Amino acid sequence: MHDHLSQLTKALLAIDTEIPKICAWGDKLASVLKAGGRLLACGNGGSAAEAQHLTAELVGRFRNDRQPYAALPLHADSSTFTAIANDYGADAVFSRQVRGHGRPGDVLVCLSTSGASENVLAAARTGREVGMLTWALTGPAPNPLATLCDEALAVPAEDTCTVQEVHLVVIHMLCEVVEKECA
């Protein structure tokens, strides 16, 4: 077997024990969205792409046609992102938006393969301050983001690409639960 496939298979098997958590997150997210709450998601690089993928599935659709839900990827508004970076620094690009958009009871999903990205950590701290539910998708634990968030799913893989691939699987599983609960 190709080494990459072997590493991915091992990581996917390792998160099999996390299925109850993924289902619980999906149930909770569905109840928040159905009640008019929102999801905010943040990450850098490939994790930003995963955050945007998650929000696109919720505003658009995953498998079924349904009402759109309020979900925002915090890196995607380039004017806001660059204005905050210019005026407050790169570490504040997500936290300032969390303070502006996040409400008590909303959900913040923080993605970081290292679990140590300062701007993602700042977003998680701010999310907790404003009363949001904070979830982390990270690489191997322990890491600062997994410790900081209310709950975390840490992928036990050393390669960033493997962690990101497993995060995408988790995102699709989460969306599947949300759609089932919101049908």
C-alpha atoms as a PDB file:
ATOM      1  CA  MET A   1       0.000   0.000   0.000  1.00  0.00           C
ATOM      2  CA  HIS A   2       1.196   3.519  -0.723  1.00  0.00           C
ATOM      3  CA  ASP A   3       2.540   5.176   2.452  1.00  0.00           C
ATOM      4  CA  HIS A   4       0.073   8.077   2.206  1.00  0.00           C
ATOM      5  CA  LEU A   5      -2.915   5.724   2.007  1.00  0.00           C
ATOM      6  CA  SER A   6      -1.547   3.710   4.901  1.00  0.00           C
ATOM      7  CA  GLN A   7      -1.242   6.829   7.087  1.00  0.00           C
ATOM      8  CA  LEU A   8      -4.711   8.017   6.097  1.00  0.00           C
ATOM      9  CA  THR A   9      -6.273   4.623   6.808  1.00  0.00           C
ATOM     10  CA  LYS A  10      -4.617   4.515  10.233  1.00  0.00           C
ATOM     11  CA  ALA A  11      -5.875   8.035  11.071  1.00  0.00           C
ATOM     12  CA  LEU A  12      -9.409   7.270   9.901  1.00  0.00           C
ATOM     13  CA  LEU A  13      -9.520   4.103  11.996  1.00  0.00           C
ATOM     14  CA  ALA A  14      -8.284   6.080  15.006  1.00  0.00           C
ATOM     15  CA  ILE A  15     -11.209   8.513  14.836  1.00  0.00           C
ATOM     16  CA  ASP A  16     -13.761   5.703  14.703  1.00  0.00           C
ATOM     17  CA  THR A  17     -14.104   6.112  18.477  1.00  0.00           C
ATOM     18  CA  GLU A  18     -15.055   9.781  17.889  1.00  0.00           C
ATOM     19  CA  ILE A  19     -18.263   8.970  15.989  1.00  0.00           C
ATOM     20  CA  PRO A  20     -20.479   9.562  19.068  1.00  0.00           C
ATOM     21  CA  LYS A  21     -18.860  12.996  19.512  1.00  0.00           C
ATOM     22  CA  ILE A  22     -19.369  13.872  15.835  1.00  0.00           C
ATOM     23  CA  CYS A  23     -23.026  12.846  16.083  1.00  0.00           C
ATOM     24  CA  ALA A  24     -23.493  14.862  19.278  1.00  0.00           C
ATOM     25  CA  TRP A  25     -21.882  17.895  17.624  1.00  0.00           C
ATOM     26  CA  GLY A  26     -24.191  17.473  14.622  1.00  0.00           C
ATOM     27  CA  ASP A  27     -27.261  17.238  16.851  1.00  0.00           C
ATOM     28  CA  LYS A  28     -26.218  20.340  18.804  1.00  0.00           C
ATOM     29  CA  LEU A  29     -25.338  22.301  15.666  1.00  0.00           C
ATOM     30  CA  ALA A  30     -28.683  21.379  14.083  1.00  0.00           C
ATOM     31  CA  SER A  31     -30.559  22.661  17.133  1.00  0.00           C
ATOM     32  CA  VAL A  32     -28.563  25.915  17.138  1.00  0.00           C
ATOM     33  CA  LEU A  33     -29.116  26.498  13.415  1.00  0.00           C
ATOM     34  CA  LYS A  34     -32.818  25.595  13.503  1.00  0.00           C
ATOM     35  CA  ALA A  35     -33.289  28.099  16.349  1.00  0.00           C
ATOM     36  CA  GLY A  36     -31.756  30.899  14.265  1.00  0.00           C
ATOM     37  CA  GLY A  37     -28.224  30.685  15.636  1.00  0.00           C
ATOM     38  CA  ARG A  38     -25.135  30.620  13.513  1.00  0.00           C
ATOM     39  CA  LEU A  39     -21.888  28.820  12.949  1.00  0.00           C
ATOM     40  CA  LEU A  40     -18.605  30.687  12.605  1.00  0.00           C
ATOM     41  CA  ALA A  41     -15.544  28.801  11.363  1.00  0.00           C
ATOM     42  CA  CYS A  42     -11.883  29.759  11.189  1.00  0.00           C
ATOM     43  CA  GLY A  43      -8.538  28.365  10.180  1.00  0.00           C
ATOM     44  CA  ASN A  44      -5.423  29.215   8.187  1.00  0.00           C
ATOM     45  CA  GLY A  45      -4.279  27.827   4.834  1.00  0.00           C
ATOM     46  CA  GLY A  46      -5.761  24.384   4.228  1.00  0.00           C
ATOM     47  CA  SER A  47      -7.752  24.700   7.437  1.00  0.00           C
ATOM     48  CA  ALA A  48      -9.309  27.898   6.052  1.00  0.00           C
ATOM     49  CA  ALA A  49     -10.356  25.896   3.007  1.00  0.00           C
ATOM     50  CA  GLU A  50     -11.905  23.283   5.306  1.00  0.00           C
ATOM     51  CA  ALA A  51     -13.712  26.018   7.282  1.00  0.00           C
ATOM     52  CA  GLN A  52     -15.111  27.426   4.056  1.00  0.00           C
ATOM     53  CA  HIS A  53     -16.102  23.958   2.876  1.00  0.00           C
ATOM     54  CA  LEU A  54     -18.064  23.421   6.097  1.00  0.00           C
ATOM     55  CA  THR A  55     -19.898  26.723   5.859  1.00  0.00           C
ATOM     56  CA  ALA A  56     -20.657  26.225   2.159  1.00  0.00           C
ATOM     57  CA  GLU A  57     -22.295  22.872   2.902  1.00  0.00           C
ATOM     58  CA  LEU A  58     -24.536  24.547   5.502  1.00  0.00           C
ATOM     59  CA  VAL A  59     -25.490  27.669   3.542  1.00  0.00           C
ATOM     60  CA  GLY A  60     -25.856  25.681   0.329  1.00  0.00           C
ATOM     61  CA  ARG A  61     -26.590  22.036   0.771  1.00  0.00           C
ATOM     62  CA  PHE A  62     -24.766  18.847   1.579  1.00  0.00           C
ATOM     63  CA  ARG A  63     -26.940  16.111   0.071  1.00  0.00           C
ATOM     64  CA  ASN A  64     -30.506  17.371   0.290  1.00  0.00           C
ATOM     65  CA  ASP A  65     -32.319  20.539  -0.658  1.00  0.00           C
ATOM     66  CA  ARG A  66     -33.292  22.368   2.529  1.00  0.00           C
ATOM     67  CA  GLN A  67     -33.353  25.841   4.000  1.00  0.00           C
ATOM     68  CA  PRO A  68     -29.980  27.586   4.161  1.00  0.00           C
ATOM     69  CA  TYR A  69     -28.351  28.044   7.550  1.00  0.00           C
ATOM     70  CA  ALA A  70     -26.289  30.928   8.900  1.00  0.00           C
ATOM     71  CA  ALA A  71     -22.644  29.900   8.615  1.00  0.00           C
ATOM     72  CA  LEU A  72     -19.671  32.214   8.070  1.00  0.00           C
ATOM     73  CA  PRO A  73     -16.029  31.393   7.213  1.00  0.00           C
ATOM     74  CA  LEU A  74     -14.073  34.134   8.942  1.00  0.00           C
ATOM     75  CA  HIS A  75     -11.238  34.298   6.413  1.00  0.00           C
ATOM     76  CA  ALA A  76     -13.422  34.800   3.333  1.00  0.00           C
ATOM     77  CA  ASP A  77     -14.301  38.500   3.608  1.00  0.00           C
ATOM     78  CA  SER A  78     -11.056  39.889   2.234  1.00  0.00           C
ATOM     79  CA  SER A  79     -11.850  43.544   2.991  1.00  0.00           C
ATOM     80  CA  THR A  80     -12.655  42.839   6.629  1.00  0.00           C
ATOM     81  CA  PHE A  81      -9.773  40.397   6.972  1.00  0.00           C
ATOM     82  CA  THR A  82      -7.172  42.788   5.574  1.00  0.00           C
ATOM     83  CA  ALA A  83      -8.539  45.822   7.440  1.00  0.00           C
ATOM     84  CA  ILE A  84      -8.326  43.964  10.751  1.00  0.00           C
ATOM     85  CA  ALA A  85      -4.846  42.643   9.942  1.00  0.00           C
ATOM     86  CA  ASN A  86      -3.698  46.152   9.045  1.00  0.00           C
ATOM     87  CA  ASP A  87      -5.266  47.917  12.020  1.00  0.00           C
ATOM     88  CA  TYR A  88      -4.976  45.271  14.772  1.00  0.00           C
ATOM     89  CA  GLY A  89      -2.473  42.690  13.531  1.00  0.00           C
ATOM     90  CA  ALA A  90      -2.763  39.187  12.121  1.00  0.00           C
ATOM     91  CA  ASP A  91      -3.464  37.648  15.530  1.00  0.00           C
ATOM     92  CA  ALA A  92      -6.795  39.534  15.684  1.00  0.00           C
ATOM     93  CA  VAL A  93      -8.198  38.688  12.230  1.00  0.00           C
ATOM     94  CA  PHE A  94     -10.579  36.043  13.593  1.00  0.00           C
ATOM     95  CA  SER A  95     -11.166  37.193  17.166  1.00  0.00           C
ATOM     96  CA  ARG A  96     -12.411  40.626  16.115  1.00  0.00           C
ATOM     97  CA  GLN A  97     -14.927  38.994  13.768  1.00  0.00           C
ATOM     98  CA  VAL A  98     -15.992  36.538  16.478  1.00  0.00           C
ATOM     99  CA  ARG A  99     -16.683  39.483  18.772  1.00  0.00           C
ATOM    100  CA  GLY A 100     -18.677  41.200  16.001  1.00  0.00           C
ATOM    101  CA  HIS A 101     -20.658  38.230  14.692  1.00  0.00           C
ATOM    102  CA  GLY A 102     -20.763  35.728  17.553  1.00  0.00           C
ATOM    103  CA  ARG A 103     -23.678  35.580  19.956  1.00  0.00           C
ATOM    104  CA  PRO A 104     -24.241  33.510  23.089  1.00  0.00           C
ATOM    105  CA  GLY A 105     -25.254  30.002  22.072  1.00  0.00           C
ATOM    106  CA  ASP A 106     -23.728  30.210  18.576  1.00  0.00           C
ATOM    107  CA  VAL A 107     -21.062  27.687  17.573  1.00  0.00           C
ATOM    108  CA  LEU A 108     -17.446  28.441  16.665  1.00  0.00           C
ATOM    109  CA  VAL A 109     -15.462  25.720  14.884  1.00  0.00           C
ATOM    110  CA  CYS A 110     -11.712  26.307  15.055  1.00  0.00           C
ATOM    111  CA  LEU A 111      -9.518  24.314  12.687  1.00  0.00           C
ATOM    112  CA  SER A 112      -5.762  24.040  13.153  1.00  0.00           C
ATOM    113  CA  THR A 113      -3.578  21.094  12.258  1.00  0.00           C
ATOM    114  CA  SER A 114      -0.982  22.194  14.816  1.00  0.00           C
ATOM    115  CA  GLY A 115      -3.476  23.373  17.407  1.00  0.00           C
ATOM    116  CA  ALA A 116      -1.156  26.304  18.024  1.00  0.00           C
ATOM    117  CA  SER A 117      -2.098  29.027  15.512  1.00  0.00           C
ATOM    118  CA  GLU A 118      -2.254  32.213  17.559  1.00  0.00           C
ATOM    119  CA  ASN A 119      -5.074  33.825  15.565  1.00  0.00           C
ATOM    120  CA  VAL A 120      -7.200  30.680  15.938  1.00  0.00           C
ATOM    121  CA  LEU A 121      -6.417  30.504  19.659  1.00  0.00           C
ATOM    122  CA  ALA A 122      -7.469  34.160  20.000  1.00  0.00           C
ATOM    123  CA  ALA A 123     -10.735  33.373  18.199  1.00  0.00           C
ATOM    124  CA  ALA A 124     -11.430  30.488  20.588  1.00  0.00           C
ATOM    125  CA  ARG A 125     -10.744  32.656  23.633  1.00  0.00           C
ATOM    126  CA  THR A 126     -13.053  35.367  22.291  1.00  0.00           C
ATOM    127  CA  GLY A 127     -15.743  32.833  21.413  1.00  0.00           C
ATOM    128  CA  ARG A 128     -15.782  31.604  24.979  1.00  0.00           C
ATOM    129  CA  GLU A 129     -15.860  35.209  26.276  1.00  0.00           C
ATOM    130  CA  VAL A 130     -18.976  36.008  24.218  1.00  0.00           C
ATOM    131  CA  GLY A 131     -20.718  32.780  25.260  1.00  0.00           C
ATOM    132  CA  MET A 132     -20.263  30.712  22.123  1.00  0.00           C
ATOM    133  CA  LEU A 133     -19.807  26.953  22.107  1.00  0.00           C
ATOM    134  CA  THR A 134     -16.259  26.326  20.865  1.00  0.00           C
ATOM    135  CA  TRP A 135     -15.150  23.175  19.055  1.00  0.00           C
ATOM    136  CA  ALA A 136     -11.650  22.388  17.814  1.00  0.00           C
ATOM    137  CA  LEU A 137     -10.566  20.185  14.938  1.00  0.00           C
ATOM    138  CA  THR A 138      -6.823  19.709  15.370  1.00  0.00           C
ATOM    139  CA  GLY A 139      -3.899  17.439  14.771  1.00  0.00           C
ATOM    140  CA  PRO A 140      -2.391  15.361  17.563  1.00  0.00           C
ATOM    141  CA  ALA A 141      -3.253  16.241  21.149  1.00  0.00           C
ATOM    142  CA  PRO A 142      -2.348  17.606  23.522  1.00  0.00           C
ATOM    143  CA  ASN A 143      -2.224  21.031  21.967  1.00  0.00           C
ATOM    144  CA  PRO A 144      -3.283  24.518  23.109  1.00  0.00           C
ATOM    145  CA  LEU A 145      -6.426  24.725  20.943  1.00  0.00           C
ATOM    146  CA  ALA A 146      -7.790  21.366  22.090  1.00  0.00           C
ATOM    147  CA  THR A 147      -7.284  22.476  25.696  1.00  0.00           C
ATOM    148  CA  LEU A 148      -8.843  25.907  25.149  1.00  0.00           C
ATOM    149  CA  CYS A 149     -12.056  24.857  23.372  1.00  0.00           C
ATOM    150  CA  ASP A 150     -15.131  23.357  25.016  1.00  0.00           C
ATOM    151  CA  GLU A 151     -14.595  20.167  23.027  1.00  0.00           C
ATOM    152  CA  ALA A 152     -12.006  18.920  20.565  1.00  0.00           C
ATOM    153  CA  LEU A 153     -11.488  16.211  18.020  1.00  0.00           C
ATOM    154  CA  ALA A 154      -7.753  15.656  17.629  1.00  0.00           C
ATOM    155  CA  VAL A 155      -6.584  13.585  14.663  1.00  0.00           C
ATOM    156  CA  PRO A 156      -3.606  11.417  15.679  1.00  0.00           C
ATOM    157  CA  ALA A 157      -1.546  11.886  12.521  1.00  0.00           C
ATOM    158  CA  GLU A 158       1.796  13.613  12.094  1.00  0.00           C
ATOM    159  CA  ASP A 159       1.379  14.732   8.475  1.00  0.00           C
ATOM    160  CA  THR A 160      -0.577  17.944   7.978  1.00  0.00           C
ATOM    161  CA  CYS A 161      -2.158  16.636   4.772  1.00  0.00           C
ATOM    162  CA  THR A 162      -3.492  13.544   6.551  1.00  0.00           C
ATOM    163  CA  VAL A 163      -4.964  15.663   9.356  1.00  0.00           C
ATOM    164  CA  GLN A 164      -6.680  17.904   6.790  1.00  0.00           C
ATOM    165  CA  GLU A 165      -8.092  14.926   4.877  1.00  0.00           C
ATOM    166  CA  VAL A 166      -9.546  13.480   8.074  1.00  0.00           C
ATOM    167  CA  HIS A 167     -10.962  16.903   9.004  1.00  0.00           C
ATOM    168  CA  LEU A 168     -12.834  16.890   5.685  1.00  0.00           C
ATOM    169  CA  VAL A 169     -14.300  13.469   6.489  1.00  0.00           C
ATOM    170  CA  VAL A 170     -15.391  14.756   9.917  1.00  0.00           C
ATOM    171  CA  ILE A 171     -16.939  17.838   8.287  1.00  0.00           C
ATOM    172  CA  HIS A 172     -18.939  15.671   5.906  1.00  0.00           C
ATOM    173  CA  MET A 173     -20.092  13.442   8.764  1.00  0.00           C
ATOM    174  CA  LEU A 174     -21.123  16.522  10.752  1.00  0.00           C
ATOM    175  CA  CYS A 175     -23.080  17.910   7.787  1.00  0.00           C
ATOM    176  CA  GLU A 176     -24.802  14.581   7.285  1.00  0.00           C
ATOM    177  CA  VAL A 177     -26.040  14.620  10.895  1.00  0.00           C
ATOM    178  CA  VAL A 178     -27.176  18.263  10.604  1.00  0.00           C
ATOM    179  CA  GLU A 179     -29.170  17.539   7.454  1.00  0.00           C
ATOM    180  CA  LYS A 180     -30.753  14.480   9.016  1.00  0.00           C
ATOM    181  CA  GLU A 181     -31.747  16.439  12.127  1.00  0.00           C
ATOM    182  CA  CYS A 182     -32.988  19.429  10.136  1.00  0.00           C
ATOM    183  CA  ALA A 183     -35.099  17.436   7.670  1.00  0.00           C
END
